[in-house]
């Protein structure tokens, strides 16, 4: 056996020390992880960190619906692809918060590359969901990106779907919150004669209307229904439409300009109140489907779907509660 030099001895000794330290660290780490898994109070709690570029995440919490991938971080950007529940995506950038406080990540998904809502991404490093205030009284369907909300027989995705509610539909909270085995929060809601369970993430609290001033005005003049004086038939014209849009926006404030609503109307019907698109399935200035027009969200559903003023006021109401996704022309 060849005799080692003094330098070789020192190098070998240093290597053995490093190896011993590495083995000791491995044992300690393994013990710590084991204690953390088994709930020992001496273990270290490994908290999930926010998603970052390069991370993998799974599409989740969609209730079975495909999720839109958009050109930009906001619902006003065009859809360019779909992501489906269970698919694994790669985070490219984000998070980015839009004007409505919704968080988005840019992802590389099997269907394409673009921006997705953070609430539909889940992974080992997924961001924790912000605490949601308890819902009481009245709520509305929201945050569905234009899709209908499933209402089920039980507080679980295994429950049978008994109805689907359009975005903006107002419901009453009957019970909840209840958290299922998957960590999803549910509320029991009532819409019309139907009662069932819906995911909390798709419900937004409706604040009660402010009480009238305590100081009464003697013999106040009656306030006319804004639609009651709507002209009938073909007497309406585009100059009146703009005036009605101004009145409607004052009644139901929405973030877009009147010019934006005007452009959507021209795109949908060319300002023809008798227009009927898709073989008659979508009538009127703003091309409402009868099922949408007759929804409980619409204060003017008792009026003719061809009534121009009713359509203008109904559209202002719809935009004030976040239903812009119903119009494809909104994105042109």
C-alpha atoms as a PDB file:
ATOM      1  CA  UNK A   1       0.000   0.000   0.000  1.00  0.00           C
ATOM      2  CA  UNK A   2       1.284   3.393  -0.984  1.00  0.00           C
ATOM      3  CA  UNK A   3       1.984   5.748   1.910  1.00  0.00           C
ATOM      4  CA  UNK A   4      -0.103   8.953   1.748  1.00  0.00           C
ATOM      5  CA  UNK A   5       1.535  12.327   1.941  1.00  0.00           C
ATOM      6  CA  UNK A   6       0.686  14.751   4.724  1.00  0.00           C
ATOM      7  CA  UNK A   7      -1.420  16.824   2.299  1.00  0.00           C
ATOM      8  CA  UNK A   8      -3.395  13.777   1.148  1.00  0.00           C
ATOM      9  CA  UNK A   9      -4.049  12.801   4.780  1.00  0.00           C
ATOM     10  CA  UNK A  10      -5.437  16.245   5.549  1.00  0.00           C
ATOM     11  CA  UNK A  11      -7.630  16.199   2.414  1.00  0.00           C
ATOM     12  CA  UNK A  12      -8.989  12.764   3.239  1.00  0.00           C
ATOM     13  CA  UNK A  13      -9.738  13.793   6.816  1.00  0.00           C
ATOM     14  CA  UNK A  14     -11.599  16.929   5.647  1.00  0.00           C
ATOM     15  CA  UNK A  15     -13.659  14.873   3.212  1.00  0.00           C
ATOM     16  CA  UNK A  16     -14.641  12.431   5.959  1.00  0.00           C
ATOM     17  CA  UNK A  17     -15.688  15.327   8.208  1.00  0.00           C
ATOM     18  CA  UNK A  18     -17.845  16.841   5.445  1.00  0.00           C
ATOM     19  CA  UNK A  19     -19.383  13.459   4.707  1.00  0.00           C
ATOM     20  CA  UNK A  20     -20.188  12.936   8.407  1.00  0.00           C
ATOM     21  CA  UNK A  21     -21.746  16.391   8.670  1.00  0.00           C
ATOM     22  CA  UNK A  22     -23.829  15.750   5.532  1.00  0.00           C
ATOM     23  CA  UNK A  23     -25.058  12.401   6.909  1.00  0.00           C
ATOM     24  CA  UNK A  24     -25.909  13.985  10.253  1.00  0.00           C
ATOM     25  CA  UNK A  25     -27.838  16.784   8.551  1.00  0.00           C
ATOM     26  CA  UNK A  26     -29.729  14.231   6.467  1.00  0.00           C
ATOM     27  CA  UNK A  27     -30.715  12.274   9.557  1.00  0.00           C
ATOM     28  CA  UNK A  28     -31.828  15.399  11.379  1.00  0.00           C
ATOM     29  CA  UNK A  29     -33.823  16.584   8.364  1.00  0.00           C
ATOM     30  CA  UNK A  30     -35.482  13.192   7.987  1.00  0.00           C
ATOM     31  CA  UNK A  31     -36.420  13.189  11.660  1.00  0.00           C
ATOM     32  CA  UNK A  32     -37.793  16.710  11.441  1.00  0.00           C
ATOM     33  CA  UNK A  33     -39.917  15.903   8.392  1.00  0.00           C
ATOM     34  CA  UNK A  34     -41.163  12.712  10.051  1.00  0.00           C
ATOM     35  CA  UNK A  35     -42.179  14.624  13.152  1.00  0.00           C
ATOM     36  CA  UNK A  36     -43.893  17.290  11.062  1.00  0.00           C
ATOM     37  CA  UNK A  37     -45.885  14.656   9.178  1.00  0.00           C
ATOM     38  CA  UNK A  38     -46.880  12.885  12.377  1.00  0.00           C
ATOM     39  CA  UNK A  39     -47.963  16.111  14.049  1.00  0.00           C
ATOM     40  CA  UNK A  40     -45.223  16.344  16.687  1.00  0.00           C
ATOM     41  CA  UNK A  41     -45.114  19.707  18.407  1.00  0.00           C
ATOM     42  CA  UNK A  42     -41.350  19.729  17.967  1.00  0.00           C
ATOM     43  CA  UNK A  43     -41.582  19.420  14.188  1.00  0.00           C
ATOM     44  CA  UNK A  44     -41.352  22.305  11.736  1.00  0.00           C
ATOM     45  CA  UNK A  45     -44.563  23.387   9.992  1.00  0.00           C
ATOM     46  CA  UNK A  46     -43.851  23.711   6.283  1.00  0.00           C
ATOM     47  CA  UNK A  47     -46.082  26.549   5.042  1.00  0.00           C
ATOM     48  CA  UNK A  48     -46.955  26.792   1.359  1.00  0.00           C
ATOM     49  CA  UNK A  49     -45.401  29.751  -0.415  1.00  0.00           C
ATOM     50  CA  UNK A  50     -46.834  31.765  -3.302  1.00  0.00           C
ATOM     51  CA  UNK A  51     -46.601  30.438  -6.828  1.00  0.00           C
ATOM     52  CA  UNK A  52     -43.607  31.721  -8.732  1.00  0.00           C
ATOM     53  CA  UNK A  53     -42.354  31.433 -12.313  1.00  0.00           C
ATOM     54  CA  UNK A  54     -41.198  27.884 -12.980  1.00  0.00           C
ATOM     55  CA  UNK A  55     -43.570  26.284 -10.456  1.00  0.00           C
ATOM     56  CA  UNK A  56     -46.050  23.586 -11.446  1.00  0.00           C
ATOM     57  CA  UNK A  57     -49.716  23.880 -10.497  1.00  0.00           C
ATOM     58  CA  UNK A  58     -52.857  21.856 -11.063  1.00  0.00           C
ATOM     59  CA  UNK A  59     -56.108  23.248 -12.432  1.00  0.00           C
ATOM     60  CA  UNK A  60     -58.643  22.794  -9.612  1.00  0.00           C
ATOM     61  CA  UNK A  61     -61.822  24.127  -7.982  1.00  0.00           C
ATOM     62  CA  UNK A  62     -63.616  24.433 -11.346  1.00  0.00           C
ATOM     63  CA  UNK A  63     -66.600  22.221 -10.447  1.00  0.00           C
ATOM     64  CA  UNK A  64     -65.900  20.366 -13.691  1.00  0.00           C
ATOM     65  CA  UNK A  65     -66.009  23.415 -15.976  1.00  0.00           C
ATOM     66  CA  UNK A  66     -63.191  24.244 -18.402  1.00  0.00           C
ATOM     67  CA  UNK A  67     -61.469  27.498 -17.455  1.00  0.00           C
ATOM     68  CA  UNK A  68     -60.701  30.270 -19.915  1.00  0.00           C
ATOM     69  CA  UNK A  69     -57.092  31.154 -20.681  1.00  0.00           C
ATOM     70  CA  UNK A  70     -56.969  34.797 -21.778  1.00  0.00           C
ATOM     71  CA  UNK A  71     -54.602  37.105 -23.643  1.00  0.00           C
ATOM     72  CA  UNK A  72     -54.135  39.288 -20.579  1.00  0.00           C
ATOM     73  CA  UNK A  73     -54.803  39.446 -16.847  1.00  0.00           C
ATOM     74  CA  UNK A  74     -58.481  40.377 -16.841  1.00  0.00           C
ATOM     75  CA  UNK A  75     -61.888  39.227 -18.010  1.00  0.00           C
ATOM     76  CA  UNK A  76     -61.929  41.981 -20.642  1.00  0.00           C
ATOM     77  CA  UNK A  77     -59.198  40.170 -22.596  1.00  0.00           C
ATOM     78  CA  UNK A  78     -60.129  37.664 -25.286  1.00  0.00           C
ATOM     79  CA  UNK A  79     -60.133  33.917 -24.616  1.00  0.00           C
ATOM     80  CA  UNK A  80     -57.347  32.133 -26.500  1.00  0.00           C
ATOM     81  CA  UNK A  81     -57.510  28.627 -24.983  1.00  0.00           C
ATOM     82  CA  UNK A  82     -59.074  26.400 -22.332  1.00  0.00           C
ATOM     83  CA  UNK A  83     -57.656  24.659 -19.242  1.00  0.00           C
ATOM     84  CA  UNK A  84     -59.423  21.648 -17.773  1.00  0.00           C
ATOM     85  CA  UNK A  85     -59.654  20.412 -14.200  1.00  0.00           C
ATOM     86  CA  UNK A  86     -56.755  18.148 -13.292  1.00  0.00           C
ATOM     87  CA  UNK A  87     -54.361  19.454 -15.953  1.00  0.00           C
ATOM     88  CA  UNK A  88     -50.858  20.447 -14.842  1.00  0.00           C
ATOM     89  CA  UNK A  89     -49.601  23.871 -15.942  1.00  0.00           C
ATOM     90  CA  UNK A  90     -46.313  25.736 -15.598  1.00  0.00           C
ATOM     91  CA  UNK A  91     -46.313  29.224 -14.057  1.00  0.00           C
ATOM     92  CA  UNK A  92     -44.627  31.715 -16.396  1.00  0.00           C
ATOM     93  CA  UNK A  93     -45.259  34.995 -14.545  1.00  0.00           C
ATOM     94  CA  UNK A  94     -47.489  36.658 -11.999  1.00  0.00           C
ATOM     95  CA  UNK A  95     -49.374  37.120  -9.870  1.00  0.00           C
ATOM     96  CA  UNK A  96     -51.037  40.187 -11.371  1.00  0.00           C
ATOM     97  CA  UNK A  97     -54.148  41.800  -9.881  1.00  0.00           C
ATOM     98  CA  UNK A  98     -56.778  43.328 -12.172  1.00  0.00           C
ATOM     99  CA  UNK A  99     -59.051  46.307 -11.498  1.00  0.00           C
ATOM    100  CA  UNK A 100     -61.592  44.066  -9.716  1.00  0.00           C
ATOM    101  CA  UNK A 101     -58.951  42.621  -7.319  1.00  0.00           C
ATOM    102  CA  UNK A 102     -58.877  39.220  -9.063  1.00  0.00           C
ATOM    103  CA  UNK A 103     -55.388  37.649  -9.138  1.00  0.00           C
ATOM    104  CA  UNK A 104     -54.030  36.106 -12.348  1.00  0.00           C
ATOM    105  CA  UNK A 105     -51.023  33.992 -13.356  1.00  0.00           C
ATOM    106  CA  UNK A 106     -49.601  33.534 -16.831  1.00  0.00           C
ATOM    107  CA  UNK A 107     -49.372  29.793 -17.473  1.00  0.00           C
ATOM    108  CA  UNK A 108     -48.186  27.324 -20.056  1.00  0.00           C
ATOM    109  CA  UNK A 109     -51.037  24.800 -20.261  1.00  0.00           C
ATOM    110  CA  UNK A 110     -51.681  21.815 -22.542  1.00  0.00           C
ATOM    111  CA  UNK A 111     -54.268  23.906 -24.401  1.00  0.00           C
ATOM    112  CA  UNK A 112     -52.145  27.032 -24.830  1.00  0.00           C
ATOM    113  CA  UNK A 113     -50.280  29.866 -23.125  1.00  0.00           C
ATOM    114  CA  UNK A 114     -51.989  32.826 -21.452  1.00  0.00           C
ATOM    115  CA  UNK A 115     -53.462  34.171 -18.216  1.00  0.00           C
ATOM    116  CA  UNK A 116     -55.619  32.241 -15.730  1.00  0.00           C
ATOM    117  CA  UNK A 117     -57.405  33.243 -12.524  1.00  0.00           C
ATOM    118  CA  UNK A 118     -55.323  32.250  -9.502  1.00  0.00           C
ATOM    119  CA  UNK A 119     -58.354  30.780  -7.738  1.00  0.00           C
ATOM    120  CA  UNK A 120     -58.288  27.852 -10.187  1.00  0.00           C
ATOM    121  CA  UNK A 121     -54.631  26.936  -9.586  1.00  0.00           C
ATOM    122  CA  UNK A 122     -53.534  24.547  -6.873  1.00  0.00           C
ATOM    123  CA  UNK A 123     -50.151  23.044  -6.124  1.00  0.00           C
ATOM    124  CA  UNK A 124     -47.569  22.256  -3.464  1.00  0.00           C
ATOM    125  CA  UNK A 125     -46.690  25.936  -3.520  1.00  0.00           C
ATOM    126  CA  UNK A 126     -50.122  27.311  -4.348  1.00  0.00           C
ATOM    127  CA  UNK A 127     -51.076  30.608  -2.697  1.00  0.00           C
ATOM    128  CA  UNK A 128     -53.381  30.268   0.262  1.00  0.00           C
ATOM    129  CA  UNK A 129     -56.919  31.423  -0.420  1.00  0.00           C
ATOM    130  CA  UNK A 130     -57.725  34.712   1.292  1.00  0.00           C
ATOM    131  CA  UNK A 131     -60.223  34.431   4.149  1.00  0.00           C
ATOM    132  CA  UNK A 132     -63.751  34.948   2.891  1.00  0.00           C
ATOM    133  CA  UNK A 133     -66.272  36.871   4.972  1.00  0.00           C
ATOM    134  CA  UNK A 134     -69.290  34.858   6.066  1.00  0.00           C
ATOM    135  CA  UNK A 135     -72.255  35.328   3.726  1.00  0.00           C
ATOM    136  CA  UNK A 136     -75.648  36.198   5.169  1.00  0.00           C
ATOM    137  CA  UNK A 137     -78.981  37.358   3.836  1.00  0.00           C
ATOM    138  CA  UNK A 138     -78.721  37.893   0.095  1.00  0.00           C
ATOM    139  CA  UNK A 139     -75.902  37.080  -2.336  1.00  0.00           C
ATOM    140  CA  UNK A 140     -75.439  37.051  -6.093  1.00  0.00           C
ATOM    141  CA  UNK A 141     -73.703  34.686  -8.485  1.00  0.00           C
ATOM    142  CA  UNK A 142     -70.248  36.142  -9.288  1.00  0.00           C
ATOM    143  CA  UNK A 143     -66.650  35.283 -10.277  1.00  0.00           C
ATOM    144  CA  UNK A 144     -67.742  32.566 -12.741  1.00  0.00           C
ATOM    145  CA  UNK A 145     -66.101  34.229 -15.776  1.00  0.00           C
ATOM    146  CA  UNK A 146     -69.466  34.109 -17.542  1.00  0.00           C
ATOM    147  CA  UNK A 147     -70.313  30.461 -16.843  1.00  0.00           C
ATOM    148  CA  UNK A 148     -73.522  29.384 -15.048  1.00  0.00           C
ATOM    149  CA  UNK A 149     -73.230  28.260 -11.426  1.00  0.00           C
ATOM    150  CA  UNK A 150     -74.164  24.665 -10.596  1.00  0.00           C
ATOM    151  CA  UNK A 151     -76.497  24.174  -7.639  1.00  0.00           C
ATOM    152  CA  UNK A 152     -76.301  20.675  -6.106  1.00  0.00           C
ATOM    153  CA  UNK A 153     -78.301  18.467  -3.771  1.00  0.00           C
ATOM    154  CA  UNK A 154     -75.429  18.226  -1.258  1.00  0.00           C
ATOM    155  CA  UNK A 155     -72.395  20.264  -0.215  1.00  0.00           C
ATOM    156  CA  UNK A 156     -70.058  18.243  -2.439  1.00  0.00           C
ATOM    157  CA  UNK A 157     -69.044  17.977  -6.071  1.00  0.00           C
ATOM    158  CA  UNK A 158     -70.569  14.488  -5.916  1.00  0.00           C
ATOM    159  CA  UNK A 159     -74.017  16.009  -5.345  1.00  0.00           C
ATOM    160  CA  UNK A 160     -76.512  15.917  -8.213  1.00  0.00           C
ATOM    161  CA  UNK A 161     -76.859  19.175 -10.176  1.00  0.00           C
ATOM    162  CA  UNK A 162     -80.436  20.402  -9.782  1.00  0.00           C
ATOM    163  CA  UNK A 163     -80.157  23.746 -11.586  1.00  0.00           C
ATOM    164  CA  UNK A 164     -77.695  26.244 -13.092  1.00  0.00           C
ATOM    165  CA  UNK A 165     -77.838  29.954 -12.261  1.00  0.00           C
ATOM    166  CA  UNK A 166     -76.697  32.742 -14.576  1.00  0.00           C
ATOM    167  CA  UNK A 167     -74.058  35.252 -13.401  1.00  0.00           C
ATOM    168  CA  UNK A 168     -75.707  38.077 -11.488  1.00  0.00           C
ATOM    169  CA  UNK A 169     -78.616  35.946 -10.245  1.00  0.00           C
ATOM    170  CA  UNK A 170     -79.667  36.967  -6.735  1.00  0.00           C
ATOM    171  CA  UNK A 171     -80.090  34.193  -4.151  1.00  0.00           C
ATOM    172  CA  UNK A 172     -80.849  33.965  -0.442  1.00  0.00           C
ATOM    173  CA  UNK A 173     -78.442  32.284   1.960  1.00  0.00           C
ATOM    174  CA  UNK A 174     -80.243  29.472   3.805  1.00  0.00           C
ATOM    175  CA  UNK A 175     -77.363  27.705   5.609  1.00  0.00           C
ATOM    176  CA  UNK A 176     -73.592  27.395   5.728  1.00  0.00           C
ATOM    177  CA  UNK A 177     -70.743  27.714   5.391  1.00  0.00           C
ATOM    178  CA  UNK A 178     -69.931  23.997   5.158  1.00  0.00           C
ATOM    179  CA  UNK A 179     -66.480  22.693   4.152  1.00  0.00           C
ATOM    180  CA  UNK A 180     -66.269  19.374   2.293  1.00  0.00           C
ATOM    181  CA  UNK A 181     -63.472  16.769   2.352  1.00  0.00           C
ATOM    182  CA  UNK A 182     -61.685  18.582  -0.487  1.00  0.00           C
ATOM    183  CA  UNK A 183     -61.557  21.848   1.475  1.00  0.00           C
ATOM    184  CA  UNK A 184     -64.222  23.535  -0.678  1.00  0.00           C
ATOM    185  CA  UNK A 185     -66.642  25.844   1.142  1.00  0.00           C
ATOM    186  CA  UNK A 186     -70.371  25.638   0.311  1.00  0.00           C
ATOM    187  CA  UNK A 187     -73.543  27.547   1.134  1.00  0.00           C
ATOM    188  CA  UNK A 188     -77.128  26.369   0.951  1.00  0.00           C
ATOM    189  CA  UNK A 189     -78.955  28.867  -1.237  1.00  0.00           C
ATOM    190  CA  UNK A 190     -82.469  29.473  -2.516  1.00  0.00           C
ATOM    191  CA  UNK A 191     -83.396  30.844  -5.923  1.00  0.00           C
ATOM    192  CA  UNK A 192     -87.094  30.978  -6.705  1.00  0.00           C
ATOM    193  CA  UNK A 193     -88.550  27.622  -5.689  1.00  0.00           C
ATOM    194  CA  UNK A 194     -85.187  25.820  -5.874  1.00  0.00           C
ATOM    195  CA  UNK A 195     -82.963  25.180  -2.859  1.00  0.00           C
ATOM    196  CA  UNK A 196     -79.525  23.562  -3.003  1.00  0.00           C
ATOM    197  CA  UNK A 197     -75.799  23.927  -2.337  1.00  0.00           C
ATOM    198  CA  UNK A 198     -73.336  26.133  -4.229  1.00  0.00           C
ATOM    199  CA  UNK A 199     -69.600  26.849  -3.905  1.00  0.00           C
ATOM    200  CA  UNK A 200     -68.871  29.911  -1.789  1.00  0.00           C
ATOM    201  CA  UNK A 201     -66.206  31.152  -4.230  1.00  0.00           C
ATOM    202  CA  UNK A 202     -68.964  31.908  -6.760  1.00  0.00           C
ATOM    203  CA  UNK A 203     -71.149  33.932  -4.389  1.00  0.00           C
ATOM    204  CA  UNK A 204     -70.768  37.606  -3.488  1.00  0.00           C
ATOM    205  CA  UNK A 205     -72.512  39.373  -0.636  1.00  0.00           C
ATOM    206  CA  UNK A 206     -75.297  41.766  -1.621  1.00  0.00           C
ATOM    207  CA  UNK A 207     -75.430  44.698   0.744  1.00  0.00           C
ATOM    208  CA  UNK A 208     -78.898  45.700   1.955  1.00  0.00           C
ATOM    209  CA  UNK A 209     -80.244  48.905   0.496  1.00  0.00           C
ATOM    210  CA  UNK A 210     -79.738  51.973   2.627  1.00  0.00           C
ATOM    211  CA  UNK A 211     -82.703  52.950   4.730  1.00  0.00           C
ATOM    212  CA  UNK A 212     -84.555  56.083   3.607  1.00  0.00           C
ATOM    213  CA  UNK A 213     -83.757  59.328   5.441  1.00  0.00           C
ATOM    214  CA  UNK A 214     -85.523  59.595   8.773  1.00  0.00           C
ATOM    215  CA  UNK A 215     -86.619  63.132   7.999  1.00  0.00           C
ATOM    216  CA  UNK A 216     -89.671  62.723   5.800  1.00  0.00           C
ATOM    217  CA  UNK A 217     -90.555  65.169   3.063  1.00  0.00           C
ATOM    218  CA  UNK A 218     -94.186  66.247   3.296  1.00  0.00           C
ATOM    219  CA  UNK A 219     -96.239  64.949   0.361  1.00  0.00           C
ATOM    220  CA  UNK A 220     -93.287  63.741  -1.690  1.00  0.00           C
ATOM    221  CA  UNK A 221     -93.857  63.549  -5.420  1.00  0.00           C
ATOM    222  CA  UNK A 222     -94.111  59.970  -6.719  1.00  0.00           C
ATOM    223  CA  UNK A 223     -91.047  58.709  -8.579  1.00  0.00           C
ATOM    224  CA  UNK A 224     -91.934  57.239 -11.970  1.00  0.00           C
ATOM    225  CA  UNK A 225     -90.641  53.841 -13.054  1.00  0.00           C
ATOM    226  CA  UNK A 226     -87.808  54.675 -15.500  1.00  0.00           C
ATOM    227  CA  UNK A 227     -89.293  52.279 -18.049  1.00  0.00           C
ATOM    228  CA  UNK A 228     -92.979  53.098 -17.567  1.00  0.00           C
ATOM    229  CA  UNK A 229     -92.829  55.989 -20.032  1.00  0.00           C
ATOM    230  CA  UNK A 230     -90.942  54.062 -22.710  1.00  0.00           C
ATOM    231  CA  UNK A 231     -92.335  54.857 -26.170  1.00  0.00           C
ATOM    232  CA  UNK A 232     -93.914  51.942 -27.964  1.00  0.00           C
ATOM    233  CA  UNK A 233     -93.138  50.328 -31.287  1.00  0.00           C
ATOM    234  CA  UNK A 234     -91.051  52.185 -33.836  1.00  0.00           C
ATOM    235  CA  UNK A 235     -91.229  55.685 -32.342  1.00  0.00           C
ATOM    236  CA  UNK A 236     -87.890  55.242 -30.550  1.00  0.00           C
ATOM    237  CA  UNK A 237     -84.742  56.373 -32.350  1.00  0.00           C
ATOM    238  CA  UNK A 238     -80.961  56.434 -31.770  1.00  0.00           C
ATOM    239  CA  UNK A 239     -80.956  59.979 -30.358  1.00  0.00           C
ATOM    240  CA  UNK A 240     -83.343  58.794 -27.660  1.00  0.00           C
ATOM    241  CA  UNK A 241     -81.179  55.720 -27.066  1.00  0.00           C
ATOM    242  CA  UNK A 242     -78.239  57.849 -25.966  1.00  0.00           C
ATOM    243  CA  UNK A 243     -80.444  59.879 -23.627  1.00  0.00           C
ATOM    244  CA  UNK A 244     -81.838  56.666 -22.122  1.00  0.00           C
ATOM    245  CA  UNK A 245     -78.307  55.305 -21.721  1.00  0.00           C
ATOM    246  CA  UNK A 246     -77.375  58.387 -19.693  1.00  0.00           C
ATOM    247  CA  UNK A 247     -80.451  57.939 -17.495  1.00  0.00           C
ATOM    248  CA  UNK A 248     -79.796  54.213 -17.124  1.00  0.00           C
ATOM    249  CA  UNK A 249     -76.153  54.720 -16.145  1.00  0.00           C
ATOM    250  CA  UNK A 250     -77.247  57.217 -13.484  1.00  0.00           C
ATOM    251  CA  UNK A 251     -79.734  54.637 -12.165  1.00  0.00           C
ATOM    252  CA  UNK A 252     -77.308  51.688 -12.338  1.00  0.00           C
ATOM    253  CA  UNK A 253     -73.709  53.016 -12.251  1.00  0.00           C
ATOM    254  CA  UNK A 254     -71.258  50.784 -14.120  1.00  0.00           C
ATOM    255  CA  UNK A 255     -67.536  51.330 -14.808  1.00  0.00           C
ATOM    256  CA  UNK A 256     -67.671  51.574 -18.615  1.00  0.00           C
ATOM    257  CA  UNK A 257     -68.504  54.690 -20.599  1.00  0.00           C
ATOM    258  CA  UNK A 258     -71.790  55.323 -22.412  1.00  0.00           C
ATOM    259  CA  UNK A 259     -69.797  55.198 -25.654  1.00  0.00           C
ATOM    260  CA  UNK A 260     -68.817  51.639 -24.774  1.00  0.00           C
ATOM    261  CA  UNK A 261     -72.454  50.630 -24.321  1.00  0.00           C
ATOM    262  CA  UNK A 262     -73.299  52.393 -27.591  1.00  0.00           C
ATOM    263  CA  UNK A 263     -70.610  50.423 -29.455  1.00  0.00           C
ATOM    264  CA  UNK A 264     -71.887  47.132 -28.010  1.00  0.00           C
ATOM    265  CA  UNK A 265     -75.438  47.991 -29.087  1.00  0.00           C
ATOM    266  CA  UNK A 266     -74.323  48.856 -32.633  1.00  0.00           C
ATOM    267  CA  UNK A 267     -72.295  45.653 -32.829  1.00  0.00           C
ATOM    268  CA  UNK A 268     -75.168  43.508 -31.547  1.00  0.00           C
ATOM    269  CA  UNK A 269     -78.163  44.928 -33.421  1.00  0.00           C
ATOM    270  CA  UNK A 270     -77.172  48.022 -35.415  1.00  0.00           C
ATOM    271  CA  UNK A 271     -79.581  49.994 -33.137  1.00  0.00           C
ATOM    272  CA  UNK A 272     -82.560  47.983 -34.443  1.00  0.00           C
ATOM    273  CA  UNK A 273     -84.890  47.170 -31.518  1.00  0.00           C
ATOM    274  CA  UNK A 274     -86.626  44.508 -33.621  1.00  0.00           C
ATOM    275  CA  UNK A 275     -83.430  42.662 -34.521  1.00  0.00           C
ATOM    276  CA  UNK A 276     -83.408  38.899 -33.895  1.00  0.00           C
ATOM    277  CA  UNK A 277     -80.054  37.161 -34.087  1.00  0.00           C
ATOM    278  CA  UNK A 278     -79.232  33.476 -34.482  1.00  0.00           C
ATOM    279  CA  UNK A 279     -82.511  32.611 -36.164  1.00  0.00           C
ATOM    280  CA  UNK A 280     -84.616  34.528 -33.654  1.00  0.00           C
ATOM    281  CA  UNK A 281     -82.994  33.205 -30.492  1.00  0.00           C
ATOM    282  CA  UNK A 282     -81.563  36.589 -29.442  1.00  0.00           C
ATOM    283  CA  UNK A 283     -84.012  39.532 -29.826  1.00  0.00           C
ATOM    284  CA  UNK A 284     -83.728  43.260 -29.293  1.00  0.00           C
ATOM    285  CA  UNK A 285     -81.135  46.024 -29.142  1.00  0.00           C
ATOM    286  CA  UNK A 286     -78.713  44.004 -27.020  1.00  0.00           C
ATOM    287  CA  UNK A 287     -79.691  40.531 -28.305  1.00  0.00           C
ATOM    288  CA  UNK A 288     -80.923  38.928 -25.083  1.00  0.00           C
ATOM    289  CA  UNK A 289     -81.703  35.239 -24.881  1.00  0.00           C
ATOM    290  CA  UNK A 290     -85.244  34.983 -23.450  1.00  0.00           C
ATOM    291  CA  UNK A 291     -83.982  32.823 -20.585  1.00  0.00           C
ATOM    292  CA  UNK A 292     -81.495  35.528 -19.570  1.00  0.00           C
ATOM    293  CA  UNK A 293     -84.053  38.306 -20.016  1.00  0.00           C
ATOM    294  CA  UNK A 294     -86.494  36.516 -17.716  1.00  0.00           C
ATOM    295  CA  UNK A 295     -83.887  36.000 -14.980  1.00  0.00           C
ATOM    296  CA  UNK A 296     -84.586  37.294 -11.476  1.00  0.00           C
ATOM    297  CA  UNK A 297     -81.685  39.753 -11.842  1.00  0.00           C
ATOM    298  CA  UNK A 298     -83.684  41.796 -14.419  1.00  0.00           C
ATOM    299  CA  UNK A 299     -86.130  44.360 -12.954  1.00  0.00           C
ATOM    300  CA  UNK A 300     -87.632  44.839 -16.448  1.00  0.00           C
ATOM    301  CA  UNK A 301     -88.290  41.221 -17.350  1.00  0.00           C
ATOM    302  CA  UNK A 302     -92.073  41.834 -17.312  1.00  0.00           C
ATOM    303  CA  UNK A 303     -91.669  44.258 -20.231  1.00  0.00           C
ATOM    304  CA  UNK A 304     -91.410  43.224 -23.865  1.00  0.00           C
ATOM    305  CA  UNK A 305     -87.980  41.935 -24.814  1.00  0.00           C
ATOM    306  CA  UNK A 306     -88.240  44.161 -27.916  1.00  0.00           C
ATOM    307  CA  UNK A 307     -88.792  47.326 -25.874  1.00  0.00           C
ATOM    308  CA  UNK A 308     -85.728  49.490 -26.560  1.00  0.00           C
ATOM    309  CA  UNK A 309     -85.763  51.456 -23.313  1.00  0.00           C
ATOM    310  CA  UNK A 310     -86.246  48.307 -21.232  1.00  0.00           C
ATOM    311  CA  UNK A 311     -83.259  46.693 -22.951  1.00  0.00           C
ATOM    312  CA  UNK A 312     -81.074  49.734 -22.297  1.00  0.00           C
ATOM    313  CA  UNK A 313     -81.981  49.908 -18.602  1.00  0.00           C
ATOM    314  CA  UNK A 314     -81.665  46.133 -18.206  1.00  0.00           C
ATOM    315  CA  UNK A 315     -78.200  46.218 -19.775  1.00  0.00           C
ATOM    316  CA  UNK A 316     -77.104  49.004 -17.424  1.00  0.00           C
ATOM    317  CA  UNK A 317     -78.357  46.878 -14.530  1.00  0.00           C
ATOM    318  CA  UNK A 318     -76.486  43.816 -15.900  1.00  0.00           C
ATOM    319  CA  UNK A 319     -73.224  45.744 -16.277  1.00  0.00           C
ATOM    320  CA  UNK A 320     -73.555  47.192 -12.776  1.00  0.00           C
ATOM    321  CA  UNK A 321     -73.514  43.633 -11.353  1.00  0.00           C
ATOM    322  CA  UNK A 322     -70.697  42.302 -13.536  1.00  0.00           C
ATOM    323  CA  UNK A 323     -72.520  40.506 -16.367  1.00  0.00           C
ATOM    324  CA  UNK A 324     -70.473  42.037 -19.207  1.00  0.00           C
ATOM    325  CA  UNK A 325     -69.230  38.587 -20.247  1.00  0.00           C
ATOM    326  CA  UNK A 326     -72.658  37.807 -21.715  1.00  0.00           C
ATOM    327  CA  UNK A 327     -71.912  39.999 -24.764  1.00  0.00           C
ATOM    328  CA  UNK A 328     -69.260  38.852 -27.228  1.00  0.00           C
ATOM    329  CA  UNK A 329     -69.391  42.340 -28.767  1.00  0.00           C
ATOM    330  CA  UNK A 330     -68.162  43.732 -25.433  1.00  0.00           C
ATOM    331  CA  UNK A 331     -64.638  42.551 -26.391  1.00  0.00           C
ATOM    332  CA  UNK A 332     -64.553  44.072 -29.873  1.00  0.00           C
END
